[in-house]
Amino acid sequence: MTGNTGSPIVTLTPAPTLDRTYFVHNLQSGGVNRADGVAEELAGKGINVSRGLHLAGIAAPGVVPIGNADPGVLERTGSAFMLLPLWVDGTLRVSTTIVEKDGPTTKVNESPRPLSEEDWNAVIDLTEQTVKDNQAKWLVVAGALPVNKATGKTVDLEPIFNRMSALGVRVALDTSGPALSHWARTGLASIIKPNAEELASAVGRTLYTVGDVIDAARELCDHGIDVVLASLGADGMIAVTKTKQWAARTTPVKVINTVGAGDATLAGFLHAVAKNPVEPGVDYGVDFNVPVGVSAAVQWGAVAVTQPSSGLENLEGMPESFLTENPDRDQTLEEPAVG
């Protein structure tokens, strides 16, 4: 990536992946299958967010540590225009997606490549410098977190949070598993975006109703998170602050590939927030426009699932969204989440 035009949003993908997607008919588990088509793209949650924002006119440069065993990967996948690579020793992990026509999507992800202490510190420095160069207001840290070779533990995000806080930059964190549970409780992120199962796991209980989701999200807000964006699949999305809650969903769409839909929702949320400041005299519980953001988020996610790739290809055919403030707490979820 060359030049700098400024951007309100920068992304960091600590563990990028080379996504290979195979399109098949009538997948036979345990048998030999022939692909009707194969696609390859450089991906990972932060990269997907940057790609979506680029489509909407926000530069959103993405910082990525990439294994130097594949030096041509940026040009080959058409990603050089939006990414700032930090070349590290090793290979790039590969994730395999199998999309069955009129069937489910199956995904197999390699574990993130470990990073040396030196490389991780360089990632932090490059991220900070990129945020400064762009005068960004948001940093997205998204995807799986690699292991620090020196400690054998997951890389420490606290230096990033601290540096962003010093710059007055908000952090949107989109990760999963123990890392999500840990960092959600530190209150250092402004936004987290768990799906229903991740939210249930973070609070350690099963979620059966909209009220359960709101209570679980607010429990995390009480630790200091500004907004929890709970992605609920068929039940849409619920955005929760310390004092407010909104539910959003769209008209039904034809689902082709669900991989990357969550990244699209986060991109849609941040795009709307960046373009729509808080209305004077309106209390959202935070100082950015959450209802406009969550309305856009479900639209972008709905568009994403109608496309075959893991990253957004275009923003055409945006479905209508429906927003409800203070949704019915007793409404049962179509897909309850086990904690």
C-alpha atoms as a PDB file:
ATOM      1  CA  MET A   1       0.000   0.000   0.000  1.00  0.00           C
ATOM      2  CA  THR A   2       1.419   3.351  -0.998  1.00  0.00           C
ATOM      3  CA  GLY A   3       0.456   6.921  -0.262  1.00  0.00           C
ATOM      4  CA  ASN A   4      -1.788   8.244   2.493  1.00  0.00           C
ATOM      5  CA  THR A   5      -5.092  10.020   2.084  1.00  0.00           C
ATOM      6  CA  GLY A   6      -6.228   9.631   5.680  1.00  0.00           C
ATOM      7  CA  SER A   7      -8.936   7.358   6.999  1.00  0.00           C
ATOM      8  CA  PRO A   8     -11.182   7.377  10.057  1.00  0.00           C
ATOM      9  CA  ILE A   9     -10.694   3.626  10.435  1.00  0.00           C
ATOM     10  CA  VAL A  10      -7.586   1.394  10.495  1.00  0.00           C
ATOM     11  CA  THR A  11      -7.635  -2.381  10.893  1.00  0.00           C
ATOM     12  CA  LEU A  12      -5.214  -4.899  12.372  1.00  0.00           C
ATOM     13  CA  THR A  13      -5.390  -8.594  11.527  1.00  0.00           C
ATOM     14  CA  PRO A  14      -2.877 -10.325  13.843  1.00  0.00           C
ATOM     15  CA  ALA A  15      -3.257 -13.724  12.126  1.00  0.00           C
ATOM     16  CA  PRO A  16      -4.150 -13.322   8.426  1.00  0.00           C
ATOM     17  CA  THR A  17      -5.016 -16.345   6.345  1.00  0.00           C
ATOM     18  CA  LEU A  18      -5.051 -17.428   2.736  1.00  0.00           C
ATOM     19  CA  ASP A  19      -8.660 -18.440   2.135  1.00  0.00           C
ATOM     20  CA  ARG A  20      -9.296 -21.171  -0.431  1.00  0.00           C
ATOM     21  CA  THR A  21     -12.949 -21.767  -1.195  1.00  0.00           C
ATOM     22  CA  TYR A  22     -14.156 -24.879  -3.025  1.00  0.00           C
ATOM     23  CA  PHE A  23     -17.626 -24.894  -4.592  1.00  0.00           C
ATOM     24  CA  VAL A  24     -19.168 -28.359  -4.891  1.00  0.00           C
ATOM     25  CA  HIS A  25     -22.449 -30.144  -5.635  1.00  0.00           C
ATOM     26  CA  ASN A  26     -23.728 -32.901  -3.354  1.00  0.00           C
ATOM     27  CA  LEU A  27     -20.743 -33.167  -1.040  1.00  0.00           C
ATOM     28  CA  GLN A  28     -20.020 -36.772  -0.043  1.00  0.00           C
ATOM     29  CA  SER A  29     -18.456 -36.870   3.403  1.00  0.00           C
ATOM     30  CA  GLY A  30     -15.551 -39.302   3.445  1.00  0.00           C
ATOM     31  CA  GLY A  31     -15.617 -39.633  -0.354  1.00  0.00           C
ATOM     32  CA  VAL A  32     -13.840 -38.097  -3.325  1.00  0.00           C
ATOM     33  CA  ASN A  33     -15.403 -34.831  -4.481  1.00  0.00           C
ATOM     34  CA  ARG A  34     -14.680 -32.684  -7.515  1.00  0.00           C
ATOM     35  CA  ALA A  35     -14.895 -28.918  -7.175  1.00  0.00           C
ATOM     36  CA  ASP A  36     -16.951 -26.910  -9.647  1.00  0.00           C
ATOM     37  CA  GLY A  37     -14.773 -23.904  -8.908  1.00  0.00           C
ATOM     38  CA  VAL A  38     -12.017 -22.673  -6.598  1.00  0.00           C
ATOM     39  CA  ALA A  39     -11.392 -19.158  -5.312  1.00  0.00           C
ATOM     40  CA  GLU A  40      -8.400 -17.794  -3.410  1.00  0.00           C
ATOM     41  CA  GLU A  41      -8.145 -14.587  -1.410  1.00  0.00           C
ATOM     42  CA  LEU A  42      -6.115 -13.088   1.394  1.00  0.00           C
ATOM     43  CA  ALA A  43      -8.465 -12.883   4.332  1.00  0.00           C
ATOM     44  CA  GLY A  44      -8.847 -12.674   8.060  1.00  0.00           C
ATOM     45  CA  LYS A  45     -11.399 -10.600   9.900  1.00  0.00           C
ATOM     46  CA  GLY A  46      -9.620  -7.251   9.821  1.00  0.00           C
ATOM     47  CA  ILE A  47      -8.744  -7.652   6.145  1.00  0.00           C
ATOM     48  CA  ASN A  48     -12.380  -8.395   5.357  1.00  0.00           C
ATOM     49  CA  VAL A  49     -13.436  -5.255   7.248  1.00  0.00           C
ATOM     50  CA  SER A  50     -10.939  -3.164   5.275  1.00  0.00           C
ATOM     51  CA  ARG A  51     -12.146  -4.660   2.002  1.00  0.00           C
ATOM     52  CA  GLY A  52     -15.766  -3.854   2.794  1.00  0.00           C
ATOM     53  CA  LEU A  53     -14.969  -0.296   3.840  1.00  0.00           C
ATOM     54  CA  HIS A  54     -12.975   0.240   0.630  1.00  0.00           C
ATOM     55  CA  LEU A  55     -16.102  -0.621  -1.351  1.00  0.00           C
ATOM     56  CA  ALA A  56     -17.925   2.158   0.495  1.00  0.00           C
ATOM     57  CA  GLY A  57     -15.209   4.760  -0.067  1.00  0.00           C
ATOM     58  CA  ILE A  58     -13.295   4.553   3.243  1.00  0.00           C
ATOM     59  CA  ALA A  59      -9.615   3.686   2.746  1.00  0.00           C
ATOM     60  CA  ALA A  60      -9.307   1.699   6.011  1.00  0.00           C
ATOM     61  CA  PRO A  61      -5.664   0.564   5.626  1.00  0.00           C
ATOM     62  CA  GLY A  62      -5.008  -2.839   7.168  1.00  0.00           C
ATOM     63  CA  VAL A  63      -1.906  -3.864   9.123  1.00  0.00           C
ATOM     64  CA  VAL A  64      -0.983  -7.542   8.673  1.00  0.00           C
ATOM     65  CA  PRO A  65       2.004  -9.685   9.708  1.00  0.00           C
ATOM     66  CA  ILE A  66       2.538 -12.019   6.733  1.00  0.00           C
ATOM     67  CA  GLY A  67       4.874 -14.993   6.367  1.00  0.00           C
ATOM     68  CA  ASN A  68       7.643 -14.192   3.902  1.00  0.00           C
ATOM     69  CA  ALA A  69       7.540 -17.655   2.312  1.00  0.00           C
ATOM     70  CA  ASP A  70       4.876 -16.321  -0.087  1.00  0.00           C
ATOM     71  CA  PRO A  71       6.113 -12.850  -1.092  1.00  0.00           C
ATOM     72  CA  GLY A  72       3.741 -12.592  -4.053  1.00  0.00           C
ATOM     73  CA  VAL A  73       0.543 -13.153  -2.105  1.00  0.00           C
ATOM     74  CA  LEU A  74      -0.501  -9.483  -1.929  1.00  0.00           C
ATOM     75  CA  GLU A  75      -0.278  -8.950  -5.675  1.00  0.00           C
ATOM     76  CA  ARG A  76      -1.704 -12.387  -6.516  1.00  0.00           C
ATOM     77  CA  THR A  77      -4.800 -11.825  -4.406  1.00  0.00           C
ATOM     78  CA  GLY A  78      -5.258  -8.170  -5.370  1.00  0.00           C
ATOM     79  CA  SER A  79      -4.749  -7.014  -1.774  1.00  0.00           C
ATOM     80  CA  ALA A  80      -1.711  -4.749  -2.037  1.00  0.00           C
ATOM     81  CA  PHE A  81      -3.789  -1.577  -2.455  1.00  0.00           C
ATOM     82  CA  MET A  82      -5.277  -1.750   1.041  1.00  0.00           C
ATOM     83  CA  LEU A  83      -2.746  -3.584   3.243  1.00  0.00           C
ATOM     84  CA  LEU A  84       0.428  -2.620   5.094  1.00  0.00           C
ATOM     85  CA  PRO A  85       2.371  -5.868   5.511  1.00  0.00           C
ATOM     86  CA  LEU A  86       4.938  -6.646   8.160  1.00  0.00           C
ATOM     87  CA  TRP A  87       6.922  -9.518   6.662  1.00  0.00           C
ATOM     88  CA  VAL A  88       7.793 -12.175   9.235  1.00  0.00           C
ATOM     89  CA  ASP A  89       9.638 -15.482   8.944  1.00  0.00           C
ATOM     90  CA  GLY A  90       7.479 -18.460   7.995  1.00  0.00           C
ATOM     91  CA  THR A  91       4.449 -19.389   5.948  1.00  0.00           C
ATOM     92  CA  LEU A  92       0.968 -17.945   5.723  1.00  0.00           C
ATOM     93  CA  ARG A  93      -1.722 -20.120   7.262  1.00  0.00           C
ATOM     94  CA  VAL A  94      -4.399 -21.524   4.960  1.00  0.00           C
ATOM     95  CA  SER A  95      -8.119 -21.782   5.668  1.00  0.00           C
ATOM     96  CA  THR A  96     -10.276 -24.063   3.549  1.00  0.00           C
ATOM     97  CA  THR A  97     -13.968 -23.426   2.924  1.00  0.00           C
ATOM     98  CA  ILE A  98     -16.293 -25.885   1.177  1.00  0.00           C
ATOM     99  CA  VAL A  99     -19.504 -24.335  -0.108  1.00  0.00           C
ATOM    100  CA  GLU A 100     -22.089 -26.914  -1.119  1.00  0.00           C
ATOM    101  CA  LYS A 101     -24.765 -25.776  -3.573  1.00  0.00           C
ATOM    102  CA  ASP A 102     -28.022 -25.376  -1.633  1.00  0.00           C
ATOM    103  CA  GLY A 103     -26.248 -26.847   1.376  1.00  0.00           C
ATOM    104  CA  PRO A 104     -24.148 -25.862   4.371  1.00  0.00           C
ATOM    105  CA  THR A 105     -20.767 -24.156   4.412  1.00  0.00           C
ATOM    106  CA  THR A 106     -17.882 -26.132   5.934  1.00  0.00           C
ATOM    107  CA  LYS A 107     -14.715 -24.348   7.052  1.00  0.00           C
ATOM    108  CA  VAL A 108     -11.385 -25.710   8.313  1.00  0.00           C
ATOM    109  CA  ASN A 109      -8.965 -23.128   9.726  1.00  0.00           C
ATOM    110  CA  GLU A 110      -5.291 -23.651  10.433  1.00  0.00           C
ATOM    111  CA  SER A 111      -4.105 -22.325  13.762  1.00  0.00           C
ATOM    112  CA  PRO A 112      -2.436 -18.890  13.700  1.00  0.00           C
ATOM    113  CA  ARG A 113       1.314 -18.864  13.116  1.00  0.00           C
ATOM    114  CA  PRO A 114       3.245 -17.951  16.308  1.00  0.00           C
ATOM    115  CA  LEU A 115       5.027 -14.591  16.341  1.00  0.00           C
ATOM    116  CA  SER A 116       8.312 -13.676  17.994  1.00  0.00           C
ATOM    117  CA  GLU A 117       8.359 -10.986  20.671  1.00  0.00           C
ATOM    118  CA  GLU A 118      10.262  -8.749  18.251  1.00  0.00           C
ATOM    119  CA  ASP A 119       7.713  -9.247  15.479  1.00  0.00           C
ATOM    120  CA  TRP A 120       4.737  -8.578  17.760  1.00  0.00           C
ATOM    121  CA  ASN A 121       6.333  -5.358  19.032  1.00  0.00           C
ATOM    122  CA  ALA A 122       6.891  -4.349  15.411  1.00  0.00           C
ATOM    123  CA  VAL A 123       3.196  -5.032  14.681  1.00  0.00           C
ATOM    124  CA  ILE A 124       2.209  -2.762  17.567  1.00  0.00           C
ATOM    125  CA  ASP A 125       4.556  -0.004  16.351  1.00  0.00           C
ATOM    126  CA  LEU A 126       3.309  -0.235  12.751  1.00  0.00           C
ATOM    127  CA  THR A 127      -0.309  -0.153  13.920  1.00  0.00           C
ATOM    128  CA  GLU A 128       0.269   2.940  16.036  1.00  0.00           C
ATOM    129  CA  GLN A 129       2.098   4.714  13.223  1.00  0.00           C
ATOM    130  CA  THR A 130      -0.630   3.856  10.704  1.00  0.00           C
ATOM    131  CA  VAL A 131      -3.318   5.220  13.030  1.00  0.00           C
ATOM    132  CA  LYS A 132      -1.319   8.430  13.482  1.00  0.00           C
ATOM    133  CA  ASP A 133      -0.608   8.807   9.756  1.00  0.00           C
ATOM    134  CA  ASN A 134      -4.308   8.495   8.954  1.00  0.00           C
ATOM    135  CA  GLN A 135      -5.539  10.515  11.927  1.00  0.00           C
ATOM    136  CA  ALA A 136      -7.908   7.621  12.495  1.00  0.00           C
ATOM    137  CA  LYS A 137     -10.617   7.616  15.156  1.00  0.00           C
ATOM    138  CA  TRP A 138     -11.167   3.851  15.173  1.00  0.00           C
ATOM    139  CA  LEU A 139      -8.904   0.813  15.219  1.00  0.00           C
ATOM    140  CA  VAL A 140     -10.378  -2.598  14.441  1.00  0.00           C
ATOM    141  CA  VAL A 141      -8.483  -5.549  15.952  1.00  0.00           C
ATOM    142  CA  ALA A 142     -10.066  -8.612  14.456  1.00  0.00           C
ATOM    143  CA  GLY A 143      -9.587 -12.336  14.088  1.00  0.00           C
ATOM    144  CA  ALA A 144      -7.698 -15.055  15.902  1.00  0.00           C
ATOM    145  CA  LEU A 145      -4.732 -14.048  18.027  1.00  0.00           C
ATOM    146  CA  PRO A 146      -1.326 -15.725  17.509  1.00  0.00           C
ATOM    147  CA  VAL A 147       0.866 -17.156  20.228  1.00  0.00           C
ATOM    148  CA  ASN A 148       3.925 -15.226  21.371  1.00  0.00           C
ATOM    149  CA  LYS A 149       6.920 -17.539  20.831  1.00  0.00           C
ATOM    150  CA  ALA A 150       8.711 -16.096  23.846  1.00  0.00           C
ATOM    151  CA  THR A 151       5.918 -16.749  26.340  1.00  0.00           C
ATOM    152  CA  GLY A 152       3.925 -19.573  24.777  1.00  0.00           C
ATOM    153  CA  LYS A 153       0.806 -17.513  25.499  1.00  0.00           C
ATOM    154  CA  THR A 154      -1.497 -15.513  23.259  1.00  0.00           C
ATOM    155  CA  VAL A 155      -0.042 -12.141  22.283  1.00  0.00           C
ATOM    156  CA  ASP A 156      -0.789  -9.304  24.684  1.00  0.00           C
ATOM    157  CA  LEU A 157      -3.200  -6.675  23.335  1.00  0.00           C
ATOM    158  CA  GLU A 158      -2.874  -4.322  26.284  1.00  0.00           C
ATOM    159  CA  PRO A 159      -0.058  -2.223  24.733  1.00  0.00           C
ATOM    160  CA  ILE A 160      -2.310  -1.609  21.728  1.00  0.00           C
ATOM    161  CA  PHE A 161      -5.248  -0.575  23.911  1.00  0.00           C
ATOM    162  CA  ASN A 162      -2.997   1.719  25.942  1.00  0.00           C
ATOM    163  CA  ARG A 163      -1.488   3.415  22.900  1.00  0.00           C
ATOM    164  CA  MET A 164      -4.885   3.912  21.292  1.00  0.00           C
ATOM    165  CA  SER A 165      -6.268   5.355  24.527  1.00  0.00           C
ATOM    166  CA  ALA A 166      -3.396   7.853  24.613  1.00  0.00           C
ATOM    167  CA  LEU A 167      -4.316   8.906  21.062  1.00  0.00           C
ATOM    168  CA  GLY A 168      -8.044   9.160  21.817  1.00  0.00           C
ATOM    169  CA  VAL A 169      -8.769   6.293  19.408  1.00  0.00           C
ATOM    170  CA  ARG A 170     -11.538   3.766  20.048  1.00  0.00           C
ATOM    171  CA  VAL A 171     -10.875   0.046  19.536  1.00  0.00           C
ATOM    172  CA  ALA A 172     -13.404  -2.380  18.086  1.00  0.00           C
ATOM    173  CA  LEU A 173     -12.381  -5.928  19.051  1.00  0.00           C
ATOM    174  CA  ASP A 174     -13.711  -8.926  17.152  1.00  0.00           C
ATOM    175  CA  THR A 175     -12.198 -12.170  18.373  1.00  0.00           C
ATOM    176  CA  SER A 176     -13.516 -15.324  20.039  1.00  0.00           C
ATOM    177  CA  GLY A 177     -12.925 -18.007  22.654  1.00  0.00           C
ATOM    178  CA  PRO A 178     -10.918 -17.350  25.814  1.00  0.00           C
ATOM    179  CA  ALA A 179      -9.410 -14.201  24.279  1.00  0.00           C
ATOM    180  CA  LEU A 180     -12.859 -12.637  23.897  1.00  0.00           C
ATOM    181  CA  SER A 181     -13.883 -13.557  27.436  1.00  0.00           C
ATOM    182  CA  HIS A 182     -10.650 -12.140  28.848  1.00  0.00           C
ATOM    183  CA  TRP A 183     -10.540  -8.852  26.967  1.00  0.00           C
ATOM    184  CA  ALA A 184     -14.268  -8.223  27.341  1.00  0.00           C
ATOM    185  CA  ARG A 185     -13.776  -8.179  31.089  1.00  0.00           C
ATOM    186  CA  THR A 186     -10.924  -5.688  30.967  1.00  0.00           C
ATOM    187  CA  GLY A 187     -13.240  -3.045  29.539  1.00  0.00           C
ATOM    188  CA  LEU A 188     -10.464  -1.741  27.290  1.00  0.00           C
ATOM    189  CA  ALA A 189     -12.317  -2.168  23.998  1.00  0.00           C
ATOM    190  CA  SER A 190     -15.047   0.244  22.964  1.00  0.00           C
ATOM    191  CA  ILE A 191     -16.925  -2.324  20.862  1.00  0.00           C
ATOM    192  CA  ILE A 192     -17.004  -6.114  20.879  1.00  0.00           C
ATOM    193  CA  LYS A 193     -18.997  -8.208  18.395  1.00  0.00           C
ATOM    194  CA  PRO A 194     -19.716 -11.704  19.714  1.00  0.00           C
ATOM    195  CA  ASN A 195     -22.120 -14.091  18.067  1.00  0.00           C
ATOM    196  CA  ALA A 196     -24.738 -15.743  20.269  1.00  0.00           C
ATOM    197  CA  GLU A 197     -22.575 -18.711  21.254  1.00  0.00           C
ATOM    198  CA  GLU A 198     -19.577 -16.494  22.006  1.00  0.00           C
ATOM    199  CA  LEU A 199     -21.717 -14.216  24.151  1.00  0.00           C
ATOM    200  CA  ALA A 200     -23.200 -17.187  26.013  1.00  0.00           C
ATOM    201  CA  SER A 201     -19.719 -18.578  26.587  1.00  0.00           C
ATOM    202  CA  ALA A 202     -18.415 -15.216  27.810  1.00  0.00           C
ATOM    203  CA  VAL A 203     -21.067 -15.035  30.554  1.00  0.00           C
ATOM    204  CA  GLY A 204     -21.217 -18.773  31.218  1.00  0.00           C
ATOM    205  CA  ARG A 205     -24.939 -19.376  30.697  1.00  0.00           C
ATOM    206  CA  THR A 206     -27.429 -20.334  28.014  1.00  0.00           C
ATOM    207  CA  LEU A 207     -29.336 -17.591  26.205  1.00  0.00           C
ATOM    208  CA  TYR A 208     -32.950 -18.402  25.376  1.00  0.00           C
ATOM    209  CA  THR A 209     -34.582 -15.013  24.897  1.00  0.00           C
ATOM    210  CA  VAL A 210     -33.886 -11.489  23.717  1.00  0.00           C
ATOM    211  CA  GLY A 211     -33.849 -10.480  27.382  1.00  0.00           C
ATOM    212  CA  ASP A 212     -31.145 -13.056  28.073  1.00  0.00           C
ATOM    213  CA  VAL A 213     -29.033 -11.537  25.297  1.00  0.00           C
ATOM    214  CA  ILE A 214     -29.527  -7.996  26.594  1.00  0.00           C
ATOM    215  CA  ASP A 215     -28.635  -9.000  30.152  1.00  0.00           C
ATOM    216  CA  ALA A 216     -25.525 -10.900  29.025  1.00  0.00           C
ATOM    217  CA  ALA A 217     -24.363  -7.997  26.873  1.00  0.00           C
ATOM    218  CA  ARG A 218     -24.982  -5.471  29.647  1.00  0.00           C
ATOM    219  CA  GLU A 219     -22.934  -7.623  32.008  1.00  0.00           C
ATOM    220  CA  LEU A 220     -19.995  -7.048  29.665  1.00  0.00           C
ATOM    221  CA  CYS A 221     -20.840  -3.337  29.353  1.00  0.00           C
ATOM    222  CA  ASP A 222     -20.584  -3.134  33.137  1.00  0.00           C
ATOM    223  CA  HIS A 223     -16.895  -4.035  32.762  1.00  0.00           C
ATOM    224  CA  GLY A 224     -16.368  -0.924  30.623  1.00  0.00           C
ATOM    225  CA  ILE A 225     -17.342  -1.933  27.075  1.00  0.00           C
ATOM    226  CA  ASP A 226     -19.270   0.871  25.334  1.00  0.00           C
ATOM    227  CA  VAL A 227     -21.293  -1.284  22.940  1.00  0.00           C
ATOM    228  CA  VAL A 228     -21.835  -5.021  22.574  1.00  0.00           C
ATOM    229  CA  LEU A 229     -22.989  -5.962  19.078  1.00  0.00           C
ATOM    230  CA  ALA A 230     -24.580  -9.385  19.542  1.00  0.00           C
ATOM    231  CA  SER A 231     -24.862 -11.142  16.186  1.00  0.00           C
ATOM    232  CA  LEU A 232     -27.718 -13.645  16.404  1.00  0.00           C
ATOM    233  CA  GLY A 233     -27.962 -15.228  12.965  1.00  0.00           C
ATOM    234  CA  ALA A 234     -31.622 -15.645  12.024  1.00  0.00           C
ATOM    235  CA  ASP A 235     -32.552 -13.381  14.938  1.00  0.00           C
ATOM    236  CA  GLY A 236     -30.637 -10.417  13.517  1.00  0.00           C
ATOM    237  CA  MET A 237     -28.446  -8.278  15.756  1.00  0.00           C
ATOM    238  CA  ILE A 238     -28.928  -6.611  19.124  1.00  0.00           C
ATOM    239  CA  ALA A 239     -26.804  -3.601  20.096  1.00  0.00           C
ATOM    240  CA  VAL A 240     -26.499  -2.939  23.820  1.00  0.00           C
ATOM    241  CA  THR A 241     -24.948  -0.044  25.735  1.00  0.00           C
ATOM    242  CA  LYS A 242     -24.983   0.511  29.477  1.00  0.00           C
ATOM    243  CA  THR A 243     -28.422   2.134  29.255  1.00  0.00           C
ATOM    244  CA  LYS A 244     -29.881   1.457  25.788  1.00  0.00           C
ATOM    245  CA  GLN A 245     -30.673  -1.469  23.499  1.00  0.00           C
ATOM    246  CA  TRP A 246     -31.779  -1.841  19.873  1.00  0.00           C
ATOM    247  CA  ALA A 247     -32.638  -4.873  17.742  1.00  0.00           C
ATOM    248  CA  ALA A 248     -32.174  -4.883  13.966  1.00  0.00           C
ATOM    249  CA  ARG A 249     -32.899  -7.356  11.204  1.00  0.00           C
ATOM    250  CA  THR A 250     -33.477  -7.349   7.448  1.00  0.00           C
ATOM    251  CA  THR A 251     -35.889  -8.850   4.996  1.00  0.00           C
ATOM    252  CA  PRO A 252     -34.902 -12.469   4.130  1.00  0.00           C
ATOM    253  CA  VAL A 253     -32.138 -13.067   1.586  1.00  0.00           C
ATOM    254  CA  LYS A 254     -30.841 -16.143  -0.275  1.00  0.00           C
ATOM    255  CA  VAL A 255     -27.825 -17.471   1.617  1.00  0.00           C
ATOM    256  CA  ILE A 256     -24.844 -18.684  -0.432  1.00  0.00           C
ATOM    257  CA  ASN A 257     -21.869 -18.403   1.926  1.00  0.00           C
ATOM    258  CA  THR A 258     -21.983 -17.335   5.574  1.00  0.00           C
ATOM    259  CA  VAL A 259     -18.195 -17.009   5.991  1.00  0.00           C
ATOM    260  CA  GLY A 260     -17.235 -13.370   6.456  1.00  0.00           C
ATOM    261  CA  ALA A 261     -20.760 -12.144   7.220  1.00  0.00           C
ATOM    262  CA  GLY A 262     -19.742 -11.043  10.709  1.00  0.00           C
ATOM    263  CA  ASP A 263     -16.865  -9.023   9.292  1.00  0.00           C
ATOM    264  CA  ALA A 264     -19.274  -7.320   6.911  1.00  0.00           C
ATOM    265  CA  THR A 265     -21.591  -6.395   9.776  1.00  0.00           C
ATOM    266  CA  LEU A 266     -18.742  -4.718  11.662  1.00  0.00           C
ATOM    267  CA  ALA A 267     -17.663  -2.865   8.516  1.00  0.00           C
ATOM    268  CA  GLY A 268     -21.239  -1.697   7.981  1.00  0.00           C
ATOM    269  CA  PHE A 269     -21.564  -0.532  11.573  1.00  0.00           C
ATOM    270  CA  LEU A 270     -18.339   1.479  11.509  1.00  0.00           C
ATOM    271  CA  HIS A 271     -19.061   2.958   8.084  1.00  0.00           C
ATOM    272  CA  ALA A 272     -22.419   4.232   9.320  1.00  0.00           C
ATOM    273  CA  VAL A 273     -20.937   5.551  12.558  1.00  0.00           C
ATOM    274  CA  ALA A 274     -18.149   7.348  10.700  1.00  0.00           C
ATOM    275  CA  LYS A 275     -20.624   8.965   8.289  1.00  0.00           C
ATOM    276  CA  ASN A 276     -23.402   9.787  10.767  1.00  0.00           C
ATOM    277  CA  PRO A 277     -22.426  11.777  13.871  1.00  0.00           C
ATOM    278  CA  VAL A 278     -24.579  11.790  16.972  1.00  0.00           C
ATOM    279  CA  GLU A 279     -27.698  13.901  16.574  1.00  0.00           C
ATOM    280  CA  PRO A 280     -27.765  16.884  18.953  1.00  0.00           C
ATOM    281  CA  GLY A 281     -29.740  16.242  22.101  1.00  0.00           C
ATOM    282  CA  VAL A 282     -30.144  12.504  21.449  1.00  0.00           C
ATOM    283  CA  ASP A 283     -28.885  10.095  24.101  1.00  0.00           C
ATOM    284  CA  TYR A 284     -27.486   6.840  22.737  1.00  0.00           C
ATOM    285  CA  GLY A 285     -25.678   5.926  25.931  1.00  0.00           C
ATOM    286  CA  VAL A 286     -22.378   6.574  24.084  1.00  0.00           C
ATOM    287  CA  ASP A 287     -21.064   9.380  21.898  1.00  0.00           C
ATOM    288  CA  PHE A 288     -21.523   7.632  18.552  1.00  0.00           C
ATOM    289  CA  ASN A 289     -24.648   6.764  16.582  1.00  0.00           C
ATOM    290  CA  VAL A 290     -25.412   3.190  17.593  1.00  0.00           C
ATOM    291  CA  PRO A 291     -28.903   2.783  16.060  1.00  0.00           C
ATOM    292  CA  VAL A 292     -27.785   3.984  12.625  1.00  0.00           C
ATOM    293  CA  GLY A 293     -24.759   1.702  12.950  1.00  0.00           C
ATOM    294  CA  VAL A 294     -26.672  -1.459  13.842  1.00  0.00           C
ATOM    295  CA  SER A 295     -29.240  -0.820  11.087  1.00  0.00           C
ATOM    296  CA  ALA A 296     -26.431  -0.684   8.537  1.00  0.00           C
ATOM    297  CA  ALA A 297     -24.647  -3.644  10.114  1.00  0.00           C
ATOM    298  CA  VAL A 298     -27.454  -6.105   9.429  1.00  0.00           C
ATOM    299  CA  GLN A 299     -27.822  -4.812   5.872  1.00  0.00           C
ATOM    300  CA  TRP A 300     -24.143  -5.348   5.122  1.00  0.00           C
ATOM    301  CA  GLY A 301     -24.210  -8.791   6.733  1.00  0.00           C
ATOM    302  CA  ALA A 302     -27.238  -9.761   4.651  1.00  0.00           C
ATOM    303  CA  VAL A 303     -25.501  -8.676   1.439  1.00  0.00           C
ATOM    304  CA  ALA A 304     -22.393 -10.648   2.423  1.00  0.00           C
ATOM    305  CA  VAL A 305     -24.189 -13.991   2.762  1.00  0.00           C
ATOM    306  CA  THR A 306     -25.568 -13.674  -0.773  1.00  0.00           C
ATOM    307  CA  GLN A 307     -22.032 -13.624  -2.214  1.00  0.00           C
ATOM    308  CA  PRO A 308     -19.699 -16.623  -2.680  1.00  0.00           C
ATOM    309  CA  SER A 309     -16.467 -15.148  -1.292  1.00  0.00           C
ATOM    310  CA  SER A 310     -15.448 -14.628   2.341  1.00  0.00           C
ATOM    311  CA  GLY A 311     -14.940 -10.911   1.658  1.00  0.00           C
ATOM    312  CA  LEU A 312     -17.533  -8.525   0.255  1.00  0.00           C
ATOM    313  CA  GLU A 313     -17.463  -8.254  -3.537  1.00  0.00           C
ATOM    314  CA  ASN A 314     -19.968  -5.402  -3.810  1.00  0.00           C
ATOM    315  CA  LEU A 315     -22.675  -3.587  -1.849  1.00  0.00           C
ATOM    316  CA  GLU A 316     -25.458  -3.971  -4.388  1.00  0.00           C
ATOM    317  CA  GLY A 317     -28.960  -5.149  -3.539  1.00  0.00           C
ATOM    318  CA  MET A 318     -28.946  -3.898   0.055  1.00  0.00           C
ATOM    319  CA  PRO A 319     -32.102  -5.249   1.757  1.00  0.00           C
ATOM    320  CA  GLU A 320     -34.389  -3.134   3.902  1.00  0.00           C
ATOM    321  CA  SER A 321     -33.576  -3.114   7.614  1.00  0.00           C
ATOM    322  CA  PHE A 322     -35.950  -2.867  10.559  1.00  0.00           C
ATOM    323  CA  LEU A 323     -34.894  -1.270  13.843  1.00  0.00           C
ATOM    324  CA  THR A 324     -36.612  -1.697  17.195  1.00  0.00           C
ATOM    325  CA  GLU A 325     -35.627   0.252  20.283  1.00  0.00           C
ATOM    326  CA  ASN A 326     -36.292  -1.657  23.511  1.00  0.00           C
ATOM    327  CA  PRO A 327     -37.165  -4.972  21.834  1.00  0.00           C
ATOM    328  CA  ASP A 328     -39.493  -7.484  23.492  1.00  0.00           C
ATOM    329  CA  ARG A 329     -37.397  -9.182  26.174  1.00  0.00           C
ATOM    330  CA  ASP A 330     -39.646 -12.244  26.254  1.00  0.00           C
ATOM    331  CA  GLN A 331     -39.196 -13.063  22.572  1.00  0.00           C
ATOM    332  CA  THR A 332     -37.505 -16.453  22.266  1.00  0.00           C
ATOM    333  CA  LEU A 333     -34.487 -16.845  20.023  1.00  0.00           C
ATOM    334  CA  GLU A 334     -34.850 -18.982  16.927  1.00  0.00           C
ATOM    335  CA  GLU A 335     -31.366 -20.279  17.701  1.00  0.00           C
ATOM    336  CA  PRO A 336     -30.765 -20.465  21.492  1.00  0.00           C
ATOM    337  CA  ALA A 337     -27.081 -20.295  22.468  1.00  0.00           C
ATOM    338  CA  VAL A 338     -25.572 -22.682  25.008  1.00  0.00           C
ATOM    339  CA  GLY A 339     -23.106 -21.177  27.445  1.00  0.00           C
END
